[in-house]
Amino acid sequence: MNTQQPQPKRALAVVTEHLGEEAYAWLQERCEVLHAGLTDPRFAEAASDVEALVVRTYTRVDAALLAHLPKLKVVGRAGVGVDNIDLAACRARGVQVVSTPDANTQAVVEYVVCLLADALRPRLFLDEPVAREEWDALRQDVVGLWQMDELVLGILGLGRIGRRVAEVARAIGFHVLYHDIAEIPQAFRHGAEECSLDRLLAESDVLTVHIDGRPSNKHFLRAEHFEALRPDAILINTSRGCVLDAQALAAWLRVHPAAAALLDVHEPEPFNASYPLLGLPNAHLAPHLASRTMTAMDNMSWVVRDVAAVLEGRAPKYPCW
């Protein structure tokens, strides 16, 4: 007689976007794993059995999707922001949402520093010898107008990333101002001075944006805010494209050729030929690269630990509600 007990059926987890190989293999040891985007026919076929969903930036999890996933228990966001996930709809369904809130802080801060250097310290590299006259002419032409310790850096949003930007900027020599709707304890300000939004806009030589993409932050920066900036201000956005009005920013940049915008995030992504900032010489558009280090991407992939915890009935480390 066969007395061997049948093995319980393993939970099905669907990974809709890229996940690091090690984290993916770790999840496979604990679940049945299907790598399929929402438009993949395999996703529709498996929908009724899906208990976990692992997404990154471009998978929208809303009530309509949840309606197709009756067994769903957890959504893992391999990243920081959860603006692509309808938290209220998930809560109403009893679906836990987990994320990796500090996974890419270092990567984004490094990227902001790179953008600051690009904006303030022109550089030139030679790939062939040049005559003394040309050498001297190049050294005359490639000159930064300002040193960082002569400038005011304004930070809109002093969360995890904003705080680290403040710490690094103060170490370089910037005078740092910040504005945040939350009260930030002195120990987390790293020497940054709290101020009103009006003062932040008026006094910042460089304004770097670090607010999240919640619905109330859509077009947080609008025409009146751009008009309040210095005419030669530098604007950096590595948060979410939706937090600024691109049409209004484009109009402001046209009128202020000495100003510049360095934008890593956009609405929509990817943008198309109608994007109002395309073709402006003082708008510099990057394809969402701030968190693109191998370490940060691996860190974000380990959201699977919390996904597995929820499936096993344990409390996750980083719940979103």
C-alpha atoms as a PDB file:
ATOM      1  CA  MET A   1       0.000   0.000   0.000  1.00  0.00           C
ATOM      2  CA  ASN A   2       1.294   3.494  -0.889  1.00  0.00           C
ATOM      3  CA  THR A   3       1.364   5.578   2.308  1.00  0.00           C
ATOM      4  CA  GLN A   4       3.181   8.563   0.797  1.00  0.00           C
ATOM      5  CA  GLN A   5       1.239  11.794   1.374  1.00  0.00           C
ATOM      6  CA  PRO A   6       0.489  13.887  -1.737  1.00  0.00           C
ATOM      7  CA  GLN A   7       2.471  17.095  -1.919  1.00  0.00           C
ATOM      8  CA  PRO A   8       0.378  20.257  -1.466  1.00  0.00           C
ATOM      9  CA  LYS A   9      -0.071  22.318  -4.606  1.00  0.00           C
ATOM     10  CA  ARG A  10       2.390  25.195  -4.763  1.00  0.00           C
ATOM     11  CA  ALA A  11       1.176  28.786  -5.140  1.00  0.00           C
ATOM     12  CA  LEU A  12       1.408  30.337  -8.604  1.00  0.00           C
ATOM     13  CA  ALA A  13       3.356  33.614  -8.877  1.00  0.00           C
ATOM     14  CA  VAL A  14       3.410  35.632 -12.102  1.00  0.00           C
ATOM     15  CA  VAL A  15       6.360  37.922 -12.834  1.00  0.00           C
ATOM     16  CA  THR A  16       5.311  40.517 -15.427  1.00  0.00           C
ATOM     17  CA  GLU A  17       8.611  42.365 -15.954  1.00  0.00           C
ATOM     18  CA  HIS A  18      12.337  41.821 -15.457  1.00  0.00           C
ATOM     19  CA  LEU A  19      13.507  40.179 -12.234  1.00  0.00           C
ATOM     20  CA  GLY A  20      17.082  39.425 -11.224  1.00  0.00           C
ATOM     21  CA  GLU A  21      18.159  35.850 -11.932  1.00  0.00           C
ATOM     22  CA  GLU A  22      19.044  34.988  -8.329  1.00  0.00           C
ATOM     23  CA  ALA A  23      15.779  36.351  -6.928  1.00  0.00           C
ATOM     24  CA  TYR A  24      13.816  34.637  -9.688  1.00  0.00           C
ATOM     25  CA  ALA A  25      15.456  31.289  -8.920  1.00  0.00           C
ATOM     26  CA  TRP A  26      14.830  31.798  -5.184  1.00  0.00           C
ATOM     27  CA  LEU A  27      11.123  32.370  -5.856  1.00  0.00           C
ATOM     28  CA  GLN A  28      10.987  29.282  -8.090  1.00  0.00           C
ATOM     29  CA  GLU A  29      12.136  27.174  -5.146  1.00  0.00           C
ATOM     30  CA  ARG A  30       9.027  28.234  -3.233  1.00  0.00           C
ATOM     31  CA  CYS A  31       6.337  28.745  -5.906  1.00  0.00           C
ATOM     32  CA  GLU A  32       5.310  27.873  -9.383  1.00  0.00           C
ATOM     33  CA  VAL A  33       6.555  30.872 -11.354  1.00  0.00           C
ATOM     34  CA  LEU A  34       5.328  32.147 -14.707  1.00  0.00           C
ATOM     35  CA  HIS A  35       7.112  35.016 -16.461  1.00  0.00           C
ATOM     36  CA  ALA A  36       4.424  36.658 -18.580  1.00  0.00           C
ATOM     37  CA  GLY A  37       3.254  40.192 -19.279  1.00  0.00           C
ATOM     38  CA  LEU A  38      -0.403  41.135 -19.017  1.00  0.00           C
ATOM     39  CA  THR A  39      -0.907  40.812 -22.787  1.00  0.00           C
ATOM     40  CA  ASP A  40       0.693  37.363 -22.939  1.00  0.00           C
ATOM     41  CA  PRO A  41      -1.987  34.696 -23.628  1.00  0.00           C
ATOM     42  CA  ARG A  42      -0.408  32.582 -20.887  1.00  0.00           C
ATOM     43  CA  PHE A  43      -1.332  35.253 -18.346  1.00  0.00           C
ATOM     44  CA  ALA A  44      -5.026  35.046 -19.264  1.00  0.00           C
ATOM     45  CA  GLU A  45      -4.898  31.252 -19.132  1.00  0.00           C
ATOM     46  CA  ALA A  46      -3.364  31.275 -15.643  1.00  0.00           C
ATOM     47  CA  ALA A  47      -5.344  34.228 -14.213  1.00  0.00           C
ATOM     48  CA  SER A  48      -7.801  32.190 -12.182  1.00  0.00           C
ATOM     49  CA  ASP A  49      -4.955  30.487 -10.257  1.00  0.00           C
ATOM     50  CA  VAL A  50      -2.577  33.419  -9.676  1.00  0.00           C
ATOM     51  CA  GLU A  51      -1.833  34.021  -5.978  1.00  0.00           C
ATOM     52  CA  ALA A  52       1.110  36.418  -6.331  1.00  0.00           C
ATOM     53  CA  LEU A  53       1.976  39.124  -8.842  1.00  0.00           C
ATOM     54  CA  VAL A  54       5.473  40.615  -9.104  1.00  0.00           C
ATOM     55  CA  VAL A  55       5.688  43.856 -11.102  1.00  0.00           C
ATOM     56  CA  ARG A  56       8.056  46.722 -11.761  1.00  0.00           C
ATOM     57  CA  THR A  57       7.263  50.165 -13.203  1.00  0.00           C
ATOM     58  CA  TYR A  58       5.109  49.556 -16.239  1.00  0.00           C
ATOM     59  CA  THR A  59       2.485  47.062 -15.038  1.00  0.00           C
ATOM     60  CA  ARG A  60      -0.683  48.812 -13.900  1.00  0.00           C
ATOM     61  CA  VAL A  61      -2.460  46.977 -11.088  1.00  0.00           C
ATOM     62  CA  ASP A  62      -5.998  48.312 -10.774  1.00  0.00           C
ATOM     63  CA  ALA A  63      -9.491  47.088  -9.937  1.00  0.00           C
ATOM     64  CA  ALA A  64     -10.038  45.836 -13.485  1.00  0.00           C
ATOM     65  CA  LEU A  65      -6.957  43.612 -13.302  1.00  0.00           C
ATOM     66  CA  LEU A  66      -7.796  42.416  -9.792  1.00  0.00           C
ATOM     67  CA  ALA A  67     -11.206  41.305 -11.029  1.00  0.00           C
ATOM     68  CA  HIS A  68      -9.452  38.744 -13.248  1.00  0.00           C
ATOM     69  CA  LEU A  69      -7.327  37.386 -10.373  1.00  0.00           C
ATOM     70  CA  PRO A  70      -9.758  35.881  -7.834  1.00  0.00           C
ATOM     71  CA  LYS A  71      -7.068  34.045  -5.813  1.00  0.00           C
ATOM     72  CA  LEU A  72      -4.564  36.907  -5.661  1.00  0.00           C
ATOM     73  CA  LYS A  73      -3.040  37.407  -2.194  1.00  0.00           C
ATOM     74  CA  VAL A  74      -0.066  39.689  -2.771  1.00  0.00           C
ATOM     75  CA  VAL A  75       1.399  42.186  -5.249  1.00  0.00           C
ATOM     76  CA  GLY A  76       5.161  42.694  -5.051  1.00  0.00           C
ATOM     77  CA  ARG A  77       6.468  45.942  -6.510  1.00  0.00           C
ATOM     78  CA  ALA A  78      10.137  45.423  -7.375  1.00  0.00           C
ATOM     79  CA  GLY A  79      10.947  49.063  -6.782  1.00  0.00           C
ATOM     80  CA  VAL A  80      10.142  52.045  -4.611  1.00  0.00           C
ATOM     81  CA  GLY A  81       7.121  53.963  -5.901  1.00  0.00           C
ATOM     82  CA  VAL A  82       3.744  52.233  -5.969  1.00  0.00           C
ATOM     83  CA  ASP A  83       1.857  54.807  -8.041  1.00  0.00           C
ATOM     84  CA  ASN A  84       1.216  52.113 -10.687  1.00  0.00           C
ATOM     85  CA  ILE A  85      -0.688  50.105  -8.081  1.00  0.00           C
ATOM     86  CA  ASP A  86      -4.184  51.035  -6.876  1.00  0.00           C
ATOM     87  CA  LEU A  87      -3.605  50.545  -3.154  1.00  0.00           C
ATOM     88  CA  ALA A  88      -7.230  51.255  -2.258  1.00  0.00           C
ATOM     89  CA  ALA A  89      -8.477  48.603  -4.681  1.00  0.00           C
ATOM     90  CA  CYS A  90      -5.962  46.094  -3.327  1.00  0.00           C
ATOM     91  CA  ARG A  91      -6.907  46.857   0.262  1.00  0.00           C
ATOM     92  CA  ALA A  92     -10.599  46.465  -0.557  1.00  0.00           C
ATOM     93  CA  ARG A  93      -9.854  43.027  -1.966  1.00  0.00           C
ATOM     94  CA  GLY A  94      -7.585  42.058   0.932  1.00  0.00           C
ATOM     95  CA  VAL A  95      -4.578  41.875  -1.396  1.00  0.00           C
ATOM     96  CA  GLN A  96      -1.352  42.836   0.374  1.00  0.00           C
ATOM     97  CA  VAL A  97       1.098  45.106  -1.480  1.00  0.00           C
ATOM     98  CA  VAL A  98       4.820  45.015  -0.709  1.00  0.00           C
ATOM     99  CA  SER A  99       7.755  46.956  -2.140  1.00  0.00           C
ATOM    100  CA  THR A 100      11.479  47.659  -1.685  1.00  0.00           C
ATOM    101  CA  PRO A 101      11.560  51.230  -0.316  1.00  0.00           C
ATOM    102  CA  ASP A 102      15.323  51.658   0.099  1.00  0.00           C
ATOM    103  CA  ALA A 103      16.566  49.447  -2.732  1.00  0.00           C
ATOM    104  CA  ASN A 104      17.724  52.162  -5.113  1.00  0.00           C
ATOM    105  CA  THR A 105      18.496  55.142  -2.846  1.00  0.00           C
ATOM    106  CA  GLN A 106      22.255  55.032  -3.418  1.00  0.00           C
ATOM    107  CA  ALA A 107      21.876  54.567  -7.178  1.00  0.00           C
ATOM    108  CA  VAL A 108      19.508  57.525  -7.549  1.00  0.00           C
ATOM    109  CA  VAL A 109      21.650  59.790  -5.372  1.00  0.00           C
ATOM    110  CA  GLU A 110      24.733  58.957  -7.441  1.00  0.00           C
ATOM    111  CA  TYR A 111      22.754  59.731 -10.585  1.00  0.00           C
ATOM    112  CA  VAL A 112      21.634  63.112  -9.232  1.00  0.00           C
ATOM    113  CA  VAL A 113      25.265  63.950  -8.480  1.00  0.00           C
ATOM    114  CA  CYS A 114      26.175  63.012 -12.067  1.00  0.00           C
ATOM    115  CA  LEU A 115      23.443  65.324 -13.376  1.00  0.00           C
ATOM    116  CA  LEU A 116      24.716  68.139 -11.161  1.00  0.00           C
ATOM    117  CA  ALA A 117      28.204  67.688 -12.581  1.00  0.00           C
ATOM    118  CA  ASP A 118      26.819  67.598 -16.131  1.00  0.00           C
ATOM    119  CA  ALA A 119      24.939  70.834 -15.539  1.00  0.00           C
ATOM    120  CA  LEU A 120      27.622  72.756 -13.687  1.00  0.00           C
ATOM    121  CA  ARG A 121      31.021  71.424 -14.758  1.00  0.00           C
ATOM    122  CA  PRO A 122      31.536  71.230 -18.523  1.00  0.00           C
ATOM    123  CA  ARG A 123      34.101  68.616 -19.529  1.00  0.00           C
ATOM    124  CA  LEU A 124      35.980  67.782 -22.687  1.00  0.00           C
ATOM    125  CA  PHE A 125      38.107  64.746 -23.539  1.00  0.00           C
ATOM    126  CA  LEU A 126      40.729  64.601 -26.254  1.00  0.00           C
ATOM    127  CA  ASP A 127      41.311  61.598 -28.492  1.00  0.00           C
ATOM    128  CA  GLU A 128      44.221  63.072 -30.436  1.00  0.00           C
ATOM    129  CA  PRO A 129      47.077  65.509 -29.808  1.00  0.00           C
ATOM    130  CA  VAL A 130      46.404  69.205 -30.376  1.00  0.00           C
ATOM    131  CA  ALA A 131      48.689  72.154 -30.962  1.00  0.00           C
ATOM    132  CA  ARG A 132      49.470  74.601 -28.146  1.00  0.00           C
ATOM    133  CA  GLU A 133      47.129  77.256 -29.598  1.00  0.00           C
ATOM    134  CA  GLU A 134      44.161  74.882 -29.699  1.00  0.00           C
ATOM    135  CA  TRP A 135      45.052  73.514 -26.266  1.00  0.00           C
ATOM    136  CA  ASP A 136      44.967  77.015 -24.789  1.00  0.00           C
ATOM    137  CA  ALA A 137      41.721  77.853 -26.644  1.00  0.00           C
ATOM    138  CA  LEU A 138      40.009  74.752 -25.297  1.00  0.00           C
ATOM    139  CA  ARG A 139      41.031  75.607 -21.758  1.00  0.00           C
ATOM    140  CA  GLN A 140      39.608  79.103 -22.234  1.00  0.00           C
ATOM    141  CA  ASP A 141      36.304  77.777 -23.592  1.00  0.00           C
ATOM    142  CA  VAL A 142      35.608  74.923 -21.194  1.00  0.00           C
ATOM    143  CA  VAL A 143      35.037  76.828 -17.960  1.00  0.00           C
ATOM    144  CA  GLY A 144      32.343  76.305 -15.341  1.00  0.00           C
ATOM    145  CA  LEU A 145      30.479  79.489 -14.492  1.00  0.00           C
ATOM    146  CA  TRP A 146      29.992  78.535 -10.864  1.00  0.00           C
ATOM    147  CA  GLN A 147      31.369  76.251  -8.196  1.00  0.00           C
ATOM    148  CA  MET A 148      28.894  74.144  -6.264  1.00  0.00           C
ATOM    149  CA  ASP A 149      29.865  75.815  -2.983  1.00  0.00           C
ATOM    150  CA  GLU A 150      28.615  79.114  -4.413  1.00  0.00           C
ATOM    151  CA  LEU A 151      25.130  77.827  -5.167  1.00  0.00           C
ATOM    152  CA  VAL A 152      21.857  76.982  -3.442  1.00  0.00           C
ATOM    153  CA  LEU A 153      20.487  73.493  -4.007  1.00  0.00           C
ATOM    154  CA  GLY A 154      16.772  73.181  -3.366  1.00  0.00           C
ATOM    155  CA  ILE A 155      15.254  69.782  -2.604  1.00  0.00           C
ATOM    156  CA  LEU A 156      11.527  69.280  -3.076  1.00  0.00           C
ATOM    157  CA  GLY A 157      10.722  66.288  -0.866  1.00  0.00           C
ATOM    158  CA  LEU A 158      13.091  65.158   1.887  1.00  0.00           C
ATOM    159  CA  GLY A 159      12.285  61.457   1.949  1.00  0.00           C
ATOM    160  CA  ARG A 160      14.833  58.646   1.763  1.00  0.00           C
ATOM    161  CA  ILE A 161      16.429  59.891  -1.449  1.00  0.00           C
ATOM    162  CA  GLY A 162      16.054  63.598  -0.722  1.00  0.00           C
ATOM    163  CA  ARG A 163      17.836  63.160   2.616  1.00  0.00           C
ATOM    164  CA  ARG A 164      20.807  61.413   1.039  1.00  0.00           C
ATOM    165  CA  VAL A 165      20.970  64.080  -1.679  1.00  0.00           C
ATOM    166  CA  ALA A 166      21.060  66.698   1.087  1.00  0.00           C
ATOM    167  CA  GLU A 167      23.859  64.861   2.873  1.00  0.00           C
ATOM    168  CA  VAL A 168      25.981  64.573  -0.261  1.00  0.00           C
ATOM    169  CA  ALA A 169      25.251  68.114  -1.455  1.00  0.00           C
ATOM    170  CA  ARG A 170      26.231  69.599   1.896  1.00  0.00           C
ATOM    171  CA  ALA A 171      29.466  67.610   1.818  1.00  0.00           C
ATOM    172  CA  ILE A 172      30.256  69.032  -1.628  1.00  0.00           C
ATOM    173  CA  GLY A 173      29.569  72.554  -0.387  1.00  0.00           C
ATOM    174  CA  PHE A 174      26.072  73.525  -1.551  1.00  0.00           C
ATOM    175  CA  HIS A 175      23.837  75.551   0.701  1.00  0.00           C
ATOM    176  CA  VAL A 176      20.808  73.265   0.855  1.00  0.00           C
ATOM    177  CA  LEU A 177      17.159  74.267   1.263  1.00  0.00           C
ATOM    178  CA  TYR A 178      14.272  71.841   1.376  1.00  0.00           C
ATOM    179  CA  HIS A 179      10.482  71.816   1.417  1.00  0.00           C
ATOM    180  CA  ASP A 180       8.362  68.875   2.514  1.00  0.00           C
ATOM    181  CA  ILE A 181       4.764  68.510   3.677  1.00  0.00           C
ATOM    182  CA  ALA A 182       5.960  66.291   6.542  1.00  0.00           C
ATOM    183  CA  GLU A 183       7.874  67.416   9.606  1.00  0.00           C
ATOM    184  CA  ILE A 184      11.424  66.087   9.165  1.00  0.00           C
ATOM    185  CA  PRO A 185      13.360  65.430  12.394  1.00  0.00           C
ATOM    186  CA  GLN A 186      16.520  67.505  12.677  1.00  0.00           C
ATOM    187  CA  ALA A 187      18.697  64.375  12.652  1.00  0.00           C
ATOM    188  CA  PHE A 188      17.498  63.489   9.139  1.00  0.00           C
ATOM    189  CA  ARG A 189      17.985  66.929   7.577  1.00  0.00           C
ATOM    190  CA  HIS A 190      21.782  66.640   7.209  1.00  0.00           C
ATOM    191  CA  GLY A 191      22.206  70.391   7.507  1.00  0.00           C
ATOM    192  CA  ALA A 192      19.476  71.263   5.002  1.00  0.00           C
ATOM    193  CA  GLU A 193      17.389  74.297   5.923  1.00  0.00           C
ATOM    194  CA  GLU A 194      13.603  73.956   5.943  1.00  0.00           C
ATOM    195  CA  CYS A 195      11.694  76.623   4.025  1.00  0.00           C
ATOM    196  CA  SER A 196       8.405  77.388   2.305  1.00  0.00           C
ATOM    197  CA  LEU A 197       7.748  76.276  -1.249  1.00  0.00           C
ATOM    198  CA  ASP A 198       7.792  79.910  -2.373  1.00  0.00           C
ATOM    199  CA  ARG A 199      11.253  80.475  -0.912  1.00  0.00           C
ATOM    200  CA  LEU A 200      12.523  77.180  -2.289  1.00  0.00           C
ATOM    201  CA  LEU A 201      11.519  78.184  -5.809  1.00  0.00           C
ATOM    202  CA  ALA A 202      12.793  81.749  -5.541  1.00  0.00           C
ATOM    203  CA  GLU A 203      16.227  81.006  -4.081  1.00  0.00           C
ATOM    204  CA  SER A 204      17.288  77.684  -5.628  1.00  0.00           C
ATOM    205  CA  ASP A 205      20.000  77.797  -8.266  1.00  0.00           C
ATOM    206  CA  VAL A 206      19.320  74.093  -8.727  1.00  0.00           C
ATOM    207  CA  LEU A 207      16.005  72.457  -7.827  1.00  0.00           C
ATOM    208  CA  THR A 208      15.920  68.663  -7.564  1.00  0.00           C
ATOM    209  CA  VAL A 209      12.540  66.940  -7.245  1.00  0.00           C
ATOM    210  CA  HIS A 210      12.014  63.935  -4.965  1.00  0.00           C
ATOM    211  CA  ILE A 211       8.271  63.601  -4.388  1.00  0.00           C
ATOM    212  CA  ASP A 212       6.227  60.511  -5.170  1.00  0.00           C
ATOM    213  CA  GLY A 213       3.654  59.939  -7.877  1.00  0.00           C
ATOM    214  CA  ARG A 214       0.512  59.785  -5.722  1.00  0.00           C
ATOM    215  CA  PRO A 215      -2.571  61.261  -7.465  1.00  0.00           C
ATOM    216  CA  SER A 216      -2.453  64.454  -5.367  1.00  0.00           C
ATOM    217  CA  ASN A 217       1.069  65.140  -6.681  1.00  0.00           C
ATOM    218  CA  LYS A 218       0.059  65.069 -10.357  1.00  0.00           C
ATOM    219  CA  HIS A 219       1.347  68.315 -11.927  1.00  0.00           C
ATOM    220  CA  PHE A 220       2.491  69.466  -8.495  1.00  0.00           C
ATOM    221  CA  LEU A 221       4.856  71.812 -10.336  1.00  0.00           C
ATOM    222  CA  ARG A 222       2.812  73.970 -12.694  1.00  0.00           C
ATOM    223  CA  ALA A 223       3.233  77.160 -14.698  1.00  0.00           C
ATOM    224  CA  GLU A 224       3.120  79.470 -11.652  1.00  0.00           C
ATOM    225  CA  HIS A 225       5.877  77.450  -9.978  1.00  0.00           C
ATOM    226  CA  PHE A 226       8.152  77.554 -13.012  1.00  0.00           C
ATOM    227  CA  GLU A 227       7.608  81.302 -13.269  1.00  0.00           C
ATOM    228  CA  ALA A 228       8.737  81.628  -9.653  1.00  0.00           C
ATOM    229  CA  LEU A 229      12.116  80.039 -10.424  1.00  0.00           C
ATOM    230  CA  ARG A 230      15.245  82.019 -11.184  1.00  0.00           C
ATOM    231  CA  PRO A 231      15.559  82.680 -14.936  1.00  0.00           C
ATOM    232  CA  ASP A 232      18.763  80.623 -15.058  1.00  0.00           C
ATOM    233  CA  ALA A 233      17.652  77.868 -12.676  1.00  0.00           C
ATOM    234  CA  ILE A 234      18.456  74.217 -13.286  1.00  0.00           C
ATOM    235  CA  LEU A 235      15.618  71.746 -12.691  1.00  0.00           C
ATOM    236  CA  ILE A 236      16.344  68.048 -12.075  1.00  0.00           C
ATOM    237  CA  ASN A 237      13.592  65.434 -11.876  1.00  0.00           C
ATOM    238  CA  THR A 238      14.351  61.802 -11.058  1.00  0.00           C
ATOM    239  CA  SER A 239      11.079  61.089  -9.218  1.00  0.00           C
ATOM    240  CA  ARG A 240       8.054  60.654 -11.515  1.00  0.00           C
ATOM    241  CA  GLY A 241       7.238  62.408 -14.769  1.00  0.00           C
ATOM    242  CA  CYS A 242       3.661  63.110 -13.700  1.00  0.00           C
ATOM    243  CA  VAL A 243       4.700  65.455 -10.860  1.00  0.00           C
ATOM    244  CA  LEU A 244       5.381  68.298 -13.276  1.00  0.00           C
ATOM    245  CA  ASP A 245       3.366  69.805 -16.110  1.00  0.00           C
ATOM    246  CA  ALA A 246       5.550  69.157 -19.155  1.00  0.00           C
ATOM    247  CA  GLN A 247       3.613  71.620 -21.337  1.00  0.00           C
ATOM    248  CA  ALA A 248       4.110  74.434 -18.827  1.00  0.00           C
ATOM    249  CA  LEU A 249       7.771  73.510 -18.314  1.00  0.00           C
ATOM    250  CA  ALA A 250       8.380  73.599 -22.071  1.00  0.00           C
ATOM    251  CA  ALA A 251       6.818  77.066 -22.307  1.00  0.00           C
ATOM    252  CA  TRP A 252       9.009  78.313 -19.456  1.00  0.00           C
ATOM    253  CA  LEU A 253      12.191  76.862 -20.980  1.00  0.00           C
ATOM    254  CA  ARG A 254      11.475  78.578 -24.312  1.00  0.00           C
ATOM    255  CA  VAL A 255      11.221  81.953 -22.593  1.00  0.00           C
ATOM    256  CA  HIS A 256      14.294  81.339 -20.406  1.00  0.00           C
ATOM    257  CA  PRO A 257      17.115  79.986 -22.603  1.00  0.00           C
ATOM    258  CA  ALA A 258      19.641  80.285 -19.735  1.00  0.00           C
ATOM    259  CA  ALA A 259      17.608  77.809 -17.670  1.00  0.00           C
ATOM    260  CA  ALA A 260      17.811  74.049 -18.078  1.00  0.00           C
ATOM    261  CA  ALA A 261      15.820  70.942 -17.217  1.00  0.00           C
ATOM    262  CA  LEU A 262      17.486  67.549 -16.760  1.00  0.00           C
ATOM    263  CA  LEU A 263      14.683  65.002 -16.727  1.00  0.00           C
ATOM    264  CA  ASP A 264      15.067  61.281 -16.158  1.00  0.00           C
ATOM    265  CA  VAL A 265      11.345  60.565 -15.858  1.00  0.00           C
ATOM    266  CA  HIS A 266       8.466  61.469 -18.130  1.00  0.00           C
ATOM    267  CA  GLU A 267       4.744  61.210 -18.673  1.00  0.00           C
ATOM    268  CA  PRO A 268       4.177  58.982 -20.569  1.00  0.00           C
ATOM    269  CA  GLU A 269       7.085  56.564 -20.802  1.00  0.00           C
ATOM    270  CA  PRO A 270       8.229  56.102 -23.441  1.00  0.00           C
ATOM    271  CA  PHE A 271       7.205  59.511 -24.766  1.00  0.00           C
ATOM    272  CA  ASN A 272       6.241  60.007 -28.392  1.00  0.00           C
ATOM    273  CA  ALA A 273       6.795  62.706 -31.022  1.00  0.00           C
ATOM    274  CA  SER A 274       4.180  64.973 -29.420  1.00  0.00           C
ATOM    275  CA  TYR A 275       6.109  65.261 -26.133  1.00  0.00           C
ATOM    276  CA  PRO A 276       6.348  69.048 -25.578  1.00  0.00           C
ATOM    277  CA  LEU A 277       9.926  68.959 -24.262  1.00  0.00           C
ATOM    278  CA  LEU A 278      11.376  67.261 -27.337  1.00  0.00           C
ATOM    279  CA  GLY A 279      13.683  69.414 -29.427  1.00  0.00           C
ATOM    280  CA  LEU A 280      14.288  72.111 -26.808  1.00  0.00           C
ATOM    281  CA  PRO A 281      18.031  72.815 -26.511  1.00  0.00           C
ATOM    282  CA  ASN A 282      17.769  73.370 -22.759  1.00  0.00           C
ATOM    283  CA  ALA A 283      15.691  70.248 -22.048  1.00  0.00           C
ATOM    284  CA  HIS A 284      17.822  67.145 -21.570  1.00  0.00           C
ATOM    285  CA  LEU A 285      15.780  63.942 -21.606  1.00  0.00           C
ATOM    286  CA  ALA A 286      17.054  60.598 -20.295  1.00  0.00           C
ATOM    287  CA  PRO A 287      15.235  57.220 -20.534  1.00  0.00           C
ATOM    288  CA  HIS A 288      14.581  56.597 -16.805  1.00  0.00           C
ATOM    289  CA  LEU A 289      18.107  55.553 -15.821  1.00  0.00           C
ATOM    290  CA  ALA A 290      18.504  56.718 -12.212  1.00  0.00           C
ATOM    291  CA  SER A 291      18.094  53.293 -10.616  1.00  0.00           C
ATOM    292  CA  ARG A 292      19.932  51.383 -13.338  1.00  0.00           C
ATOM    293  CA  THR A 293      22.800  49.838 -11.446  1.00  0.00           C
ATOM    294  CA  MET A 294      23.147  46.084 -11.123  1.00  0.00           C
ATOM    295  CA  THR A 295      23.089  46.385  -7.340  1.00  0.00           C
ATOM    296  CA  ALA A 296      19.921  48.477  -7.234  1.00  0.00           C
ATOM    297  CA  MET A 297      18.096  46.251  -9.700  1.00  0.00           C
ATOM    298  CA  ASP A 298      19.057  43.163  -7.702  1.00  0.00           C
ATOM    299  CA  ASN A 299      17.968  44.866  -4.471  1.00  0.00           C
ATOM    300  CA  MET A 300      14.572  45.647  -5.994  1.00  0.00           C
ATOM    301  CA  SER A 301      14.186  42.082  -7.236  1.00  0.00           C
ATOM    302  CA  TRP A 302      14.371  40.787  -3.672  1.00  0.00           C
ATOM    303  CA  VAL A 303      10.802  41.971  -3.099  1.00  0.00           C
ATOM    304  CA  VAL A 304      10.190  38.248  -3.625  1.00  0.00           C
ATOM    305  CA  ARG A 305      11.142  37.673   0.013  1.00  0.00           C
ATOM    306  CA  ASP A 306       8.090  39.617   1.157  1.00  0.00           C
ATOM    307  CA  VAL A 307       5.952  38.022  -1.552  1.00  0.00           C
ATOM    308  CA  ALA A 308       6.868  34.585  -0.201  1.00  0.00           C
ATOM    309  CA  ALA A 309       6.257  35.743   3.365  1.00  0.00           C
ATOM    310  CA  VAL A 310       2.671  36.739   2.558  1.00  0.00           C
ATOM    311  CA  LEU A 311       2.023  33.478   0.723  1.00  0.00           C
ATOM    312  CA  GLU A 312       3.323  31.560   3.743  1.00  0.00           C
ATOM    313  CA  GLY A 313       1.148  33.528   6.161  1.00  0.00           C
ATOM    314  CA  ARG A 314       3.973  35.557   7.664  1.00  0.00           C
ATOM    315  CA  ALA A 315       4.129  39.348   8.112  1.00  0.00           C
ATOM    316  CA  PRO A 316       6.087  41.110   5.318  1.00  0.00           C
ATOM    317  CA  LYS A 317       8.957  43.451   6.175  1.00  0.00           C
ATOM    318  CA  TYR A 318       7.843  46.249   3.836  1.00  0.00           C
ATOM    319  CA  PRO A 319       4.032  46.327   3.560  1.00  0.00           C
ATOM    320  CA  CYS A 320       2.496  49.273   1.701  1.00  0.00           C
ATOM    321  CA  TRP A 321      -0.666  49.313   3.788  1.00  0.00           C
END
